[in-house]
Amino acid sequence: VQLQACGGGSVQAGGSLRLSCADSGRTFGDYSMGWFRQAPEKEREFVAHVDRSGGSTDYADSVKGRFTISRDYAKTTVYLQMNSLKPEDTAVYYCAARKYLLGSRRPDGYVYWGQGTLVTVSS
């Protein structure tokens, strides 16, 4: 599993971004996928995860209703659509994979990590 995240950038509050995380491996469907973020001087925190089948998702309360996680098996890519962005969403965003049916809210539940992509939201 090799994860490559992209799509970060700078946006004003209220704007939108879509993050992508491409898996170059050939067993994308064997993994549940998660997104995490880490702001300066803060611990890495859970954002969203999607299960192996794509049928079950989970979100942190802080992003529920604004962010949507999805996955495209043909493109072996997981997405994070972020709408109504707030300055407190500013962080480096990481995608992660684990070889389980279900995702996890714990960073230590994931073995594979992408390199991170920076999202900056200005007020």
N, C-alpha and C. Protein backbone atom coordinates (compact mmCIF):
# COMPACT_ATOMS: atom_id res chain seq x y z
N VAL A 1 0.85 -1.19 0.00
CA VAL A 1 0.00 0.00 0.00
C VAL A 1 0.88 1.23 0.00
N GLN A 2 0.68 2.08 -0.97
CA GLN A 2 1.39 3.36 -1.02
C GLN A 2 0.35 4.44 -1.25
N LEU A 3 0.27 5.37 -0.30
CA LEU A 3 -0.76 6.39 -0.34
C LEU A 3 -0.16 7.74 -0.71
N GLN A 4 -0.83 8.43 -1.60
CA GLN A 4 -0.38 9.74 -2.06
C GLN A 4 -1.55 10.71 -1.94
N ALA A 5 -1.45 11.62 -0.99
CA ALA A 5 -2.51 12.58 -0.76
C ALA A 5 -2.23 13.88 -1.49
N CYS A 6 -3.29 14.52 -1.97
CA CYS A 6 -3.15 15.82 -2.62
C CYS A 6 -4.48 16.56 -2.53
N GLY A 7 -4.46 17.81 -2.97
CA GLY A 7 -5.69 18.59 -3.01
C GLY A 7 -5.75 19.70 -1.98
N GLY A 8 -4.76 19.78 -1.11
CA GLY A 8 -4.75 20.84 -0.13
C GLY A 8 -4.49 22.19 -0.77
N GLY A 9 -4.67 23.22 0.02
CA GLY A 9 -4.45 24.57 -0.47
C GLY A 9 -4.96 25.59 0.50
N SER A 10 -5.03 26.83 0.04
CA SER A 10 -5.52 27.93 0.85
C SER A 10 -6.88 28.36 0.36
N VAL A 11 -7.79 28.57 1.30
CA VAL A 11 -9.16 28.95 0.94
C VAL A 11 -9.70 29.85 2.03
N GLN A 12 -10.65 30.68 1.67
CA GLN A 12 -11.30 31.53 2.66
C GLN A 12 -12.39 30.76 3.39
N ALA A 13 -12.68 31.21 4.57
CA ALA A 13 -13.75 30.59 5.36
C ALA A 13 -15.04 30.54 4.54
N GLY A 14 -15.70 29.39 4.63
CA GLY A 14 -16.91 29.17 3.87
C GLY A 14 -16.68 28.48 2.54
N GLY A 15 -15.42 28.39 2.15
CA GLY A 15 -15.09 27.76 0.89
C GLY A 15 -15.03 26.25 0.98
N SER A 16 -14.62 25.64 -0.14
CA SER A 16 -14.58 24.18 -0.25
C SER A 16 -13.26 23.72 -0.85
N LEU A 17 -12.89 22.51 -0.48
CA LEU A 17 -11.75 21.82 -1.07
C LEU A 17 -12.08 20.33 -1.14
N ARG A 18 -11.46 19.65 -2.07
CA ARG A 18 -11.59 18.20 -2.12
C ARG A 18 -10.20 17.59 -2.07
N LEU A 19 -9.97 16.80 -1.05
CA LEU A 19 -8.72 16.08 -0.93
C LEU A 19 -8.84 14.72 -1.58
N SER A 20 -7.75 14.28 -2.17
CA SER A 20 -7.71 12.95 -2.78
C SER A 20 -6.54 12.17 -2.19
N CYS A 21 -6.71 10.89 -2.12
CA CYS A 21 -5.64 10.01 -1.64
C CYS A 21 -5.64 8.78 -2.53
N ALA A 22 -4.64 8.68 -3.37
CA ALA A 22 -4.54 7.57 -4.31
C ALA A 22 -3.70 6.45 -3.70
N ASP A 23 -4.20 5.25 -3.86
CA ASP A 23 -3.50 4.06 -3.39
C ASP A 23 -2.91 3.36 -4.61
N SER A 24 -1.60 3.29 -4.67
CA SER A 24 -0.96 2.68 -5.83
C SER A 24 -0.91 1.17 -5.74
N GLY A 25 -1.37 0.60 -4.62
CA GLY A 25 -1.37 -0.84 -4.47
C GLY A 25 -2.51 -1.48 -5.23
N ARG A 26 -2.50 -2.78 -5.30
CA ARG A 26 -3.52 -3.49 -6.06
C ARG A 26 -4.57 -4.14 -5.19
N THR A 27 -4.57 -3.81 -3.90
CA THR A 27 -5.54 -4.44 -2.98
C THR A 27 -6.35 -3.37 -2.26
N PHE A 28 -6.69 -2.31 -2.97
CA PHE A 28 -7.41 -1.17 -2.39
C PHE A 28 -8.68 -1.63 -1.67
N GLY A 29 -9.38 -2.59 -2.24
CA GLY A 29 -10.63 -3.04 -1.68
C GLY A 29 -10.49 -3.84 -0.40
N ASP A 30 -9.27 -4.18 -0.01
CA ASP A 30 -9.05 -4.93 1.23
C ASP A 30 -8.91 -4.04 2.44
N TYR A 31 -8.91 -2.72 2.21
CA TYR A 31 -8.58 -1.79 3.28
C TYR A 31 -9.71 -0.81 3.57
N SER A 32 -9.94 -0.57 4.84
CA SER A 32 -10.75 0.58 5.22
C SER A 32 -9.83 1.79 5.24
N MET A 33 -10.40 2.97 5.02
CA MET A 33 -9.60 4.18 4.83
C MET A 33 -10.04 5.27 5.78
N GLY A 34 -9.07 6.05 6.22
CA GLY A 34 -9.41 7.14 7.13
C GLY A 34 -8.68 8.42 6.76
N TRP A 35 -9.24 9.52 7.22
CA TRP A 35 -8.60 10.83 7.13
C TRP A 35 -8.39 11.35 8.56
N PHE A 36 -7.21 11.88 8.77
CA PHE A 36 -6.86 12.51 10.04
C PHE A 36 -6.26 13.88 9.75
N ARG A 37 -6.15 14.70 10.77
CA ARG A 37 -5.52 15.99 10.58
C ARG A 37 -4.70 16.36 11.82
N GLN A 38 -3.72 17.20 11.59
CA GLN A 38 -2.87 17.64 12.69
C GLN A 38 -2.57 19.12 12.52
N ALA A 39 -3.03 19.91 13.47
CA ALA A 39 -2.76 21.33 13.50
C ALA A 39 -1.45 21.55 14.26
N PRO A 40 -0.81 22.72 14.06
CA PRO A 40 0.45 23.00 14.76
C PRO A 40 0.30 22.86 16.27
N GLU A 41 1.23 22.13 16.84
CA GLU A 41 1.31 21.94 18.29
C GLU A 41 0.09 21.19 18.86
N LYS A 42 -0.59 20.46 18.01
CA LYS A 42 -1.71 19.65 18.47
C LYS A 42 -1.50 18.20 18.05
N GLU A 43 -2.20 17.31 18.71
CA GLU A 43 -2.10 15.91 18.36
C GLU A 43 -2.90 15.62 17.09
N ARG A 44 -2.53 14.55 16.43
CA ARG A 44 -3.27 14.13 15.25
C ARG A 44 -4.66 13.70 15.68
N GLU A 45 -5.67 14.14 14.95
CA GLU A 45 -7.05 13.82 15.32
C GLU A 45 -7.82 13.22 14.16
N PHE A 46 -8.77 12.41 14.53
CA PHE A 46 -9.64 11.74 13.57
C PHE A 46 -10.54 12.74 12.87
N VAL A 47 -10.74 12.53 11.58
CA VAL A 47 -11.68 13.35 10.80
C VAL A 47 -12.83 12.49 10.28
N ALA A 48 -12.49 11.41 9.54
CA ALA A 48 -13.52 10.57 8.95
C ALA A 48 -12.92 9.24 8.56
N HIS A 49 -13.76 8.21 8.49
CA HIS A 49 -13.31 6.95 7.91
C HIS A 49 -14.44 6.30 7.13
N VAL A 50 -14.06 5.43 6.22
CA VAL A 50 -15.01 4.68 5.40
C VAL A 50 -14.58 3.22 5.42
N ASP A 51 -15.54 2.32 5.50
CA ASP A 51 -15.20 0.91 5.63
C ASP A 51 -14.77 0.32 4.28
N ARG A 52 -14.41 -0.92 4.32
CA ARG A 52 -13.86 -1.58 3.14
C ARG A 52 -14.85 -1.60 1.98
N SER A 53 -16.12 -1.74 2.31
CA SER A 53 -17.14 -1.84 1.26
C SER A 53 -17.60 -0.48 0.75
N GLY A 54 -17.26 0.57 1.49
CA GLY A 54 -17.73 1.90 1.12
C GLY A 54 -19.12 2.21 1.62
N GLY A 55 -19.72 1.26 2.33
CA GLY A 55 -21.09 1.44 2.76
C GLY A 55 -21.26 2.06 4.13
N SER A 56 -20.20 2.16 4.88
CA SER A 56 -20.30 2.70 6.24
C SER A 56 -19.25 3.79 6.43
N THR A 57 -19.70 4.92 6.93
CA THR A 57 -18.80 6.04 7.19
C THR A 57 -18.98 6.55 8.61
N ASP A 58 -17.99 7.27 9.07
CA ASP A 58 -18.03 7.84 10.42
C ASP A 58 -17.28 9.16 10.37
N TYR A 59 -17.76 10.14 11.14
CA TYR A 59 -17.18 11.47 11.12
C TYR A 59 -16.98 12.00 12.53
N ALA A 60 -15.96 12.80 12.68
CA ALA A 60 -15.80 13.55 13.92
C ALA A 60 -16.94 14.55 14.02
N ASP A 61 -17.36 14.82 15.23
CA ASP A 61 -18.46 15.77 15.43
C ASP A 61 -18.15 17.14 14.83
N SER A 62 -16.89 17.52 14.86
CA SER A 62 -16.50 18.86 14.40
C SER A 62 -16.66 19.04 12.90
N VAL A 63 -16.76 17.93 12.14
CA VAL A 63 -16.86 18.04 10.69
C VAL A 63 -18.15 17.46 10.15
N LYS A 64 -18.93 16.84 11.00
CA LYS A 64 -20.16 16.18 10.56
C LYS A 64 -21.09 17.19 9.91
N GLY A 65 -21.61 16.82 8.74
CA GLY A 65 -22.50 17.72 8.01
C GLY A 65 -21.77 18.65 7.06
N ARG A 66 -20.45 18.75 7.19
CA ARG A 66 -19.67 19.61 6.31
C ARG A 66 -18.71 18.82 5.42
N PHE A 67 -18.19 17.71 5.93
CA PHE A 67 -17.23 16.90 5.19
C PHE A 67 -17.89 15.60 4.75
N THR A 68 -17.44 15.09 3.61
CA THR A 68 -17.93 13.80 3.11
C THR A 68 -16.76 12.96 2.64
N ILE A 69 -16.67 11.75 3.15
CA ILE A 69 -15.64 10.81 2.70
C ILE A 69 -16.27 9.84 1.71
N SER A 70 -15.51 9.50 0.68
CA SER A 70 -16.00 8.55 -0.32
C SER A 70 -14.80 7.85 -0.93
N ARG A 71 -15.07 6.77 -1.64
CA ARG A 71 -13.99 6.02 -2.28
C ARG A 71 -14.41 5.55 -3.64
N ASP A 72 -13.45 5.52 -4.55
CA ASP A 72 -13.66 5.09 -5.93
C ASP A 72 -12.74 3.89 -6.16
N TYR A 73 -13.35 2.71 -6.30
CA TYR A 73 -12.54 1.49 -6.43
C TYR A 73 -11.82 1.43 -7.77
N ALA A 74 -12.43 1.92 -8.82
CA ALA A 74 -11.80 1.91 -10.14
C ALA A 74 -10.54 2.77 -10.14
N LYS A 75 -10.59 3.89 -9.42
CA LYS A 75 -9.44 4.79 -9.36
C LYS A 75 -8.57 4.54 -8.14
N THR A 76 -8.95 3.58 -7.32
CA THR A 76 -8.25 3.26 -6.06
C THR A 76 -7.91 4.52 -5.30
N THR A 77 -8.92 5.35 -5.12
CA THR A 77 -8.73 6.66 -4.50
C THR A 77 -9.83 6.90 -3.47
N VAL A 78 -9.44 7.50 -2.37
CA VAL A 78 -10.40 7.93 -1.36
C VAL A 78 -10.40 9.46 -1.36
N TYR A 79 -11.58 10.04 -1.18
CA TYR A 79 -11.75 11.48 -1.24
C TYR A 79 -12.27 12.02 0.10
N LEU A 80 -11.97 13.28 0.32
CA LEU A 80 -12.58 14.00 1.43
C LEU A 80 -13.07 15.33 0.87
N GLN A 81 -14.37 15.44 0.67
CA GLN A 81 -14.98 16.68 0.23
C GLN A 81 -15.22 17.54 1.46
N MET A 82 -14.66 18.73 1.47
CA MET A 82 -14.76 19.62 2.63
C MET A 82 -15.48 20.89 2.21
N ASN A 83 -16.63 21.11 2.80
CA ASN A 83 -17.45 22.30 2.52
C ASN A 83 -17.56 23.15 3.78
N SER A 84 -17.96 24.38 3.59
CA SER A 84 -18.16 25.32 4.70
C SER A 84 -16.95 25.32 5.63
N LEU A 85 -15.80 25.46 5.03
CA LEU A 85 -14.56 25.38 5.81
C LEU A 85 -14.45 26.54 6.80
N LYS A 86 -13.83 26.23 7.93
CA LYS A 86 -13.63 27.19 9.00
C LYS A 86 -12.14 27.33 9.29
N PRO A 87 -11.73 28.44 9.86
CA PRO A 87 -10.30 28.60 10.20
C PRO A 87 -9.77 27.46 11.07
N GLU A 88 -10.61 26.92 11.94
CA GLU A 88 -10.17 25.83 12.81
C GLU A 88 -9.97 24.51 12.07
N ASP A 89 -10.32 24.47 10.80
CA ASP A 89 -10.03 23.29 9.98
C ASP A 89 -8.61 23.31 9.44
N THR A 90 -7.89 24.40 9.67
CA THR A 90 -6.52 24.51 9.19
C THR A 90 -5.65 23.45 9.84
N ALA A 91 -4.99 22.65 9.01
CA ALA A 91 -4.16 21.55 9.50
C ALA A 91 -3.51 20.85 8.31
N VAL A 92 -2.58 19.97 8.63
CA VAL A 92 -2.10 19.02 7.63
C VAL A 92 -3.02 17.81 7.70
N TYR A 93 -3.54 17.41 6.56
CA TYR A 93 -4.48 16.30 6.48
C TYR A 93 -3.75 15.06 5.95
N TYR A 94 -4.00 13.95 6.61
CA TYR A 94 -3.36 12.68 6.26
C TYR A 94 -4.43 11.64 5.95
N CYS A 95 -4.16 10.83 4.94
CA CYS A 95 -5.00 9.67 4.72
C CYS A 95 -4.27 8.45 5.27
N ALA A 96 -5.04 7.42 5.60
CA ALA A 96 -4.47 6.23 6.21
C ALA A 96 -5.28 5.02 5.81
N ALA A 97 -4.66 3.85 5.87
CA ALA A 97 -5.32 2.61 5.48
C ALA A 97 -5.06 1.53 6.52
N ARG A 98 -6.06 0.68 6.72
CA ARG A 98 -5.89 -0.47 7.61
C ARG A 98 -6.62 -1.65 7.00
N LYS A 99 -6.05 -2.85 7.19
CA LYS A 99 -6.59 -4.04 6.53
C LYS A 99 -7.64 -4.69 7.43
N TYR A 100 -8.71 -3.93 7.63
CA TYR A 100 -9.84 -4.41 8.40
C TYR A 100 -11.12 -4.03 7.67
N LEU A 101 -12.18 -4.71 7.99
CA LEU A 101 -13.47 -4.41 7.37
C LEU A 101 -13.90 -2.99 7.73
N LEU A 102 -13.73 -2.63 9.00
CA LEU A 102 -14.21 -1.34 9.48
C LEU A 102 -13.05 -0.39 9.74
N GLY A 103 -13.35 0.91 9.67
CA GLY A 103 -12.36 1.91 10.00
C GLY A 103 -12.24 2.09 11.50
N SER A 104 -11.37 2.99 11.90
CA SER A 104 -11.14 3.26 13.31
C SER A 104 -10.93 4.76 13.51
N ARG A 105 -11.27 5.23 14.70
CA ARG A 105 -11.03 6.63 15.04
C ARG A 105 -9.65 6.83 15.64
N ARG A 106 -8.93 5.77 15.88
CA ARG A 106 -7.62 5.85 16.53
C ARG A 106 -6.51 5.87 15.48
N PRO A 107 -5.62 6.83 15.54
CA PRO A 107 -4.50 6.85 14.59
C PRO A 107 -3.66 5.58 14.67
N ASP A 108 -3.51 5.03 15.87
CA ASP A 108 -2.68 3.82 16.00
C ASP A 108 -3.38 2.58 15.47
N GLY A 109 -4.60 2.75 14.97
CA GLY A 109 -5.28 1.64 14.33
C GLY A 109 -4.93 1.49 12.87
N TYR A 110 -4.10 2.38 12.35
CA TYR A 110 -3.74 2.37 10.93
C TYR A 110 -2.26 2.09 10.76
N VAL A 111 -1.96 1.32 9.75
CA VAL A 111 -0.57 0.94 9.48
C VAL A 111 0.04 1.82 8.39
N TYR A 112 -0.75 2.13 7.40
CA TYR A 112 -0.24 2.85 6.23
C TYR A 112 -0.73 4.29 6.24
N TRP A 113 0.19 5.21 5.94
CA TRP A 113 -0.10 6.63 5.96
C TRP A 113 0.41 7.32 4.71
N GLY A 114 -0.35 8.31 4.24
CA GLY A 114 0.12 9.18 3.19
C GLY A 114 1.00 10.27 3.77
N GLN A 115 1.55 11.10 2.92
CA GLN A 115 2.54 12.08 3.34
C GLN A 115 1.93 13.36 3.90
N GLY A 116 0.64 13.57 3.76
CA GLY A 116 -0.01 14.77 4.29
C GLY A 116 -0.12 15.86 3.25
N THR A 117 -1.20 16.61 3.35
CA THR A 117 -1.42 17.76 2.47
C THR A 117 -1.98 18.89 3.32
N LEU A 118 -1.44 20.11 3.14
CA LEU A 118 -1.77 21.23 4.00
C LEU A 118 -3.03 21.94 3.53
N VAL A 119 -3.93 22.17 4.47
CA VAL A 119 -5.14 22.96 4.24
C VAL A 119 -5.09 24.18 5.14
N THR A 120 -5.21 25.34 4.53
CA THR A 120 -5.19 26.59 5.28
C THR A 120 -6.48 27.35 5.00
N VAL A 121 -7.21 27.66 6.04
CA VAL A 121 -8.48 28.38 5.90
C VAL A 121 -8.34 29.73 6.60
N SER A 122 -8.51 30.79 5.85
CA SER A 122 -8.38 32.14 6.39
C SER A 122 -9.75 32.74 6.67
N SER A 123 -9.79 33.58 7.68
CA SER A 123 -11.07 34.19 8.07
C SER A 123 -11.34 35.46 7.28
